[in-house]
Amino acid sequence: MINLEWVQPGSGEHQIFSAASDIHDLVGNTLVTVYAVLRPDKQWSLMIVNKDQENAHSVQIAFDGLGAKQSHFHGPVSMVTFGSEQYQWHSNINGGTANPDGPAARSTITGNPSTRYTLPKASVTVLAGKLGD
C-alpha cells in the first residue's frame, strides 16, 4: 500500500505534508490517522488509517494552507482499501495471524467539496487525485 499506492514508484521527488483528523473516541483517542504526500505526478495522495475495529467512518477531505482558499479533490479520485474485508484472522495458541484473503478493494470516485469517502472498519485507505477549489 505504501510503496505502490500512496507514493509514486520511481525516483521522483515527493513532498510530505502534515495532516490531521478530527475523529476520536469518547476518551479522546484518535481513531483515524492521515498522512499526506504530493507525488511527482502532481497528484495528492492520502494514506488514511481507520484504527476503529468496530466502525466504518465517513469523511470529507479538505486541504488548507495551499493558498487563499480551501481546496478539495476534484475529478477522478482513486480509492484503494485494504481492511477487514480483504483479510482473515486465523487464531492460534500464540494469538493468531492475519492472512490476506483477497486483493485490495479499488474504486474511482468523483471528488468535489461535498464528497464523502467511507473508510471501512480496521482499514488502510489510499486516496489519490488532483485538487480543485
C-alpha atoms as a PDB file:
ATOM      1  CA  MET A   1       0.000   0.000   0.000  1.00  0.00           C
ATOM      2  CA  ILE A   2       2.750   2.466   0.883  1.00  0.00           C
ATOM      3  CA  ASN A   3       5.206   1.791  -1.953  1.00  0.00           C
ATOM      4  CA  LEU A   4       2.740   1.077  -4.742  1.00  0.00           C
ATOM      5  CA  GLU A   5      -0.336   3.169  -3.924  1.00  0.00           C
ATOM      6  CA  TRP A   6       0.452   6.056  -1.567  1.00  0.00           C
ATOM      7  CA  VAL A   7       3.715   7.159  -3.168  1.00  0.00           C
ATOM      8  CA  GLN A   8       4.566   7.036  -6.853  1.00  0.00           C
ATOM      9  CA  PRO A   9       7.086   4.295  -7.641  1.00  0.00           C
ATOM     10  CA  GLY A  10      10.324   5.552  -9.166  1.00  0.00           C
ATOM     11  CA  SER A  11      12.916   8.159  -8.355  1.00  0.00           C
ATOM     12  CA  GLY A  12      10.793  11.327  -8.455  1.00  0.00           C
ATOM     13  CA  GLU A  13      10.684  13.773  -5.543  1.00  0.00           C
ATOM     14  CA  HIS A  14       7.791  13.507  -3.092  1.00  0.00           C
ATOM     15  CA  GLN A  15       6.763  16.258  -0.691  1.00  0.00           C
ATOM     16  CA  ILE A  16       5.343  15.177   2.659  1.00  0.00           C
ATOM     17  CA  PHE A  17       2.805  17.408   4.444  1.00  0.00           C
ATOM     18  CA  SER A  18       1.246  17.338   7.880  1.00  0.00           C
ATOM     19  CA  ALA A  19      -2.350  16.181   8.077  1.00  0.00           C
ATOM     20  CA  ALA A  20      -4.939  15.781  10.808  1.00  0.00           C
ATOM     21  CA  SER A  21      -8.208  14.069  11.567  1.00  0.00           C
ATOM     22  CA  ASP A  22     -10.956  15.116  13.951  1.00  0.00           C
ATOM     23  CA  ILE A  23     -12.310  11.605  14.526  1.00  0.00           C
ATOM     24  CA  HIS A  24     -11.792  10.489  18.132  1.00  0.00           C
ATOM     25  CA  ASP A  25     -13.358   8.016  20.542  1.00  0.00           C
ATOM     26  CA  LEU A  26     -15.175   9.031  23.723  1.00  0.00           C
ATOM     27  CA  VAL A  27     -11.945   9.391  25.729  1.00  0.00           C
ATOM     28  CA  GLY A  28     -10.081  11.388  23.065  1.00  0.00           C
ATOM     29  CA  ASN A  29      -8.029   8.708  21.325  1.00  0.00           C
ATOM     30  CA  THR A  30      -7.555   9.416  17.609  1.00  0.00           C
ATOM     31  CA  LEU A  31      -9.381   6.756  15.597  1.00  0.00           C
ATOM     32  CA  VAL A  32      -8.422   7.962  12.114  1.00  0.00           C
ATOM     33  CA  THR A  33      -4.873   8.977  11.210  1.00  0.00           C
ATOM     34  CA  VAL A  34      -3.936  10.574   7.884  1.00  0.00           C
ATOM     35  CA  TYR A  35      -0.641  11.040   6.037  1.00  0.00           C
ATOM     36  CA  ALA A  36      -0.382  13.404   3.018  1.00  0.00           C
ATOM     37  CA  VAL A  37       2.078  13.472   0.131  1.00  0.00           C
ATOM     38  CA  LEU A  38       2.342  15.465  -3.103  1.00  0.00           C
ATOM     39  CA  ARG A  39       3.663  12.969  -5.629  1.00  0.00           C
ATOM     40  CA  PRO A  40       5.900  13.680  -8.647  1.00  0.00           C
ATOM     41  CA  ASP A  41       2.878  13.204 -10.944  1.00  0.00           C
ATOM     42  CA  LYS A  42       1.337  16.255  -9.164  1.00  0.00           C
ATOM     43  CA  GLN A  43      -1.375  14.140  -7.579  1.00  0.00           C
ATOM     44  CA  TRP A  44      -2.100  14.481  -3.878  1.00  0.00           C
ATOM     45  CA  SER A  45      -2.181  11.171  -2.086  1.00  0.00           C
ATOM     46  CA  LEU A  46      -3.575  10.491   1.378  1.00  0.00           C
ATOM     47  CA  MET A  47      -2.954   7.318   3.349  1.00  0.00           C
ATOM     48  CA  ILE A  48      -5.757   7.082   5.898  1.00  0.00           C
ATOM     49  CA  VAL A  49      -5.734   4.529   8.707  1.00  0.00           C
ATOM     50  CA  ASN A  50      -9.054   3.752  10.402  1.00  0.00           C
ATOM     51  CA  LYS A  51      -7.981   2.168  13.697  1.00  0.00           C
ATOM     52  CA  ASP A  52     -11.585   1.686  14.805  1.00  0.00           C
ATOM     53  CA  GLN A  53     -12.070  -2.097  14.929  1.00  0.00           C
ATOM     54  CA  GLU A  54     -15.867  -1.855  15.094  1.00  0.00           C
ATOM     55  CA  ASN A  55     -16.992   1.071  12.901  1.00  0.00           C
ATOM     56  CA  ALA A  56     -16.586   2.494   9.433  1.00  0.00           C
ATOM     57  CA  HIS A  57     -16.223   6.281   9.242  1.00  0.00           C
ATOM     58  CA  SER A  58     -17.426   8.636   6.527  1.00  0.00           C
ATOM     59  CA  VAL A  59     -15.073  11.581   5.991  1.00  0.00           C
ATOM     60  CA  GLN A  60     -14.828  14.757   3.957  1.00  0.00           C
ATOM     61  CA  ILE A  61     -11.379  15.874   2.811  1.00  0.00           C
ATOM     62  CA  ALA A  62     -10.178  19.495   2.848  1.00  0.00           C
ATOM     63  CA  PHE A  63      -6.706  20.820   2.061  1.00  0.00           C
ATOM     64  CA  ASP A  64      -5.783  24.002   3.964  1.00  0.00           C
ATOM     65  CA  GLY A  65      -2.689  26.176   3.733  1.00  0.00           C
ATOM     66  CA  LEU A  66      -2.251  25.799  -0.026  1.00  0.00           C
ATOM     67  CA  GLY A  67      -3.312  29.334  -0.861  1.00  0.00           C
ATOM     68  CA  ALA A  68      -6.083  31.747  -0.044  1.00  0.00           C
ATOM     69  CA  LYS A  69      -8.877  29.159  -0.332  1.00  0.00           C
ATOM     70  CA  GLN A  70      -9.515  25.679   0.928  1.00  0.00           C
ATOM     71  CA  SER A  71      -9.024  23.003  -1.749  1.00  0.00           C
ATOM     72  CA  HIS A  72     -10.591  19.598  -2.269  1.00  0.00           C
ATOM     73  CA  PHE A  73     -10.113  16.631  -4.524  1.00  0.00           C
ATOM     74  CA  HIS A  74     -11.618  17.495  -7.903  1.00  0.00           C
ATOM     75  CA  GLY A  75     -12.471  14.984 -10.612  1.00  0.00           C
ATOM     76  CA  PRO A  76     -11.451  11.319 -10.521  1.00  0.00           C
ATOM     77  CA  VAL A  77     -10.078  10.130  -7.169  1.00  0.00           C
ATOM     78  CA  SER A  78      -8.515   6.688  -6.947  1.00  0.00           C
ATOM     79  CA  MET A  79      -9.516   4.833  -3.773  1.00  0.00           C
ATOM     80  CA  VAL A  80      -7.633   1.689  -2.713  1.00  0.00           C
ATOM     81  CA  THR A  81      -8.558  -0.009   0.573  1.00  0.00           C
ATOM     82  CA  PHE A  82      -7.127  -2.944   2.456  1.00  0.00           C
ATOM     83  CA  GLY A  83      -9.202  -3.768   5.502  1.00  0.00           C
ATOM     84  CA  SER A  84     -11.014  -6.489   7.376  1.00  0.00           C
ATOM     85  CA  GLU A  85     -12.964  -7.418   4.222  1.00  0.00           C
ATOM     86  CA  GLN A  86      -9.667  -8.205   2.457  1.00  0.00           C
ATOM     87  CA  TYR A  87      -8.061 -10.423   5.094  1.00  0.00           C
ATOM     88  CA  GLN A  88      -8.976 -13.135   7.541  1.00  0.00           C
ATOM     89  CA  TRP A  89      -7.704 -13.599  11.089  1.00  0.00           C
ATOM     90  CA  HIS A  90      -6.535 -17.101  11.955  1.00  0.00           C
ATOM     91  CA  SER A  91      -6.459 -17.732  15.694  1.00  0.00           C
ATOM     92  CA  ASN A  92      -3.792 -19.958  17.152  1.00  0.00           C
ATOM     93  CA  ILE A  93      -2.174 -20.705  20.515  1.00  0.00           C
ATOM     94  CA  ASN A  94       0.116 -17.642  20.143  1.00  0.00           C
ATOM     95  CA  GLY A  95      -2.786 -15.285  19.459  1.00  0.00           C
ATOM     96  CA  GLY A  96      -3.109 -15.583  15.721  1.00  0.00           C
ATOM     97  CA  THR A  97      -2.044 -14.188  12.394  1.00  0.00           C
ATOM     98  CA  ALA A  98      -3.631 -12.219   9.581  1.00  0.00           C
ATOM     99  CA  ASN A  99      -3.660 -13.939   6.229  1.00  0.00           C
ATOM    100  CA  PRO A 100      -4.581 -11.912   3.138  1.00  0.00           C
ATOM    101  CA  ASP A 101      -7.664 -13.400   1.565  1.00  0.00           C
ATOM    102  CA  GLY A 102      -8.007 -11.164  -1.440  1.00  0.00           C
ATOM    103  CA  PRO A 103      -6.632  -8.159  -3.271  1.00  0.00           C
ATOM    104  CA  ALA A 104      -7.185  -4.598  -2.093  1.00  0.00           C
ATOM    105  CA  ALA A 105     -10.558  -3.082  -2.976  1.00  0.00           C
ATOM    106  CA  ARG A 106     -10.284  -0.491  -5.778  1.00  0.00           C
ATOM    107  CA  SER A 107     -12.695   2.148  -6.980  1.00  0.00           C
ATOM    108  CA  THR A 108     -12.793   5.601  -8.551  1.00  0.00           C
ATOM    109  CA  ILE A 109     -14.882   8.367  -7.004  1.00  0.00           C
ATOM    110  CA  THR A 110     -15.648  11.808  -8.423  1.00  0.00           C
ATOM    111  CA  GLY A 111     -14.222  14.307  -5.962  1.00  0.00           C
ATOM    112  CA  ASN A 112     -15.778  17.683  -5.136  1.00  0.00           C
ATOM    113  CA  PRO A 113     -16.118  19.770  -1.937  1.00  0.00           C
ATOM    114  CA  SER A 114     -19.067  17.709  -0.658  1.00  0.00           C
ATOM    115  CA  THR A 115     -17.755  14.218  -1.499  1.00  0.00           C
ATOM    116  CA  ARG A 116     -17.709  11.826   1.449  1.00  0.00           C
ATOM    117  CA  TYR A 117     -15.305   8.896   1.488  1.00  0.00           C
ATOM    118  CA  THR A 118     -16.166   5.796   3.530  1.00  0.00           C
ATOM    119  CA  LEU A 119     -13.306   4.255   5.496  1.00  0.00           C
ATOM    120  CA  PRO A 120     -14.173   0.652   6.393  1.00  0.00           C
ATOM    121  CA  LYS A 121     -13.507  -0.520   9.943  1.00  0.00           C
ATOM    122  CA  ALA A 122      -9.914  -1.617  10.651  1.00  0.00           C
ATOM    123  CA  SER A 123      -8.590  -0.454   7.292  1.00  0.00           C
ATOM    124  CA  VAL A 124      -5.880   1.404   5.419  1.00  0.00           C
ATOM    125  CA  THR A 125      -7.179   3.514   2.523  1.00  0.00           C
ATOM    126  CA  VAL A 126      -5.233   5.488  -0.061  1.00  0.00           C
ATOM    127  CA  LEU A 127      -6.962   8.342  -1.888  1.00  0.00           C
ATOM    128  CA  ALA A 128      -5.113   9.956  -4.811  1.00  0.00           C
ATOM    129  CA  GLY A 129      -6.185  12.700  -7.181  1.00  0.00           C
ATOM    130  CA  LYS A 130      -5.858  16.293  -8.341  1.00  0.00           C
ATOM    131  CA  LEU A 131      -7.092  19.311  -6.385  1.00  0.00           C
ATOM    132  CA  GLY A 132      -9.610  21.998  -7.274  1.00  0.00           C
ATOM    133  CA  ASP A 133     -11.480  24.733  -5.396  1.00  0.00           C
END
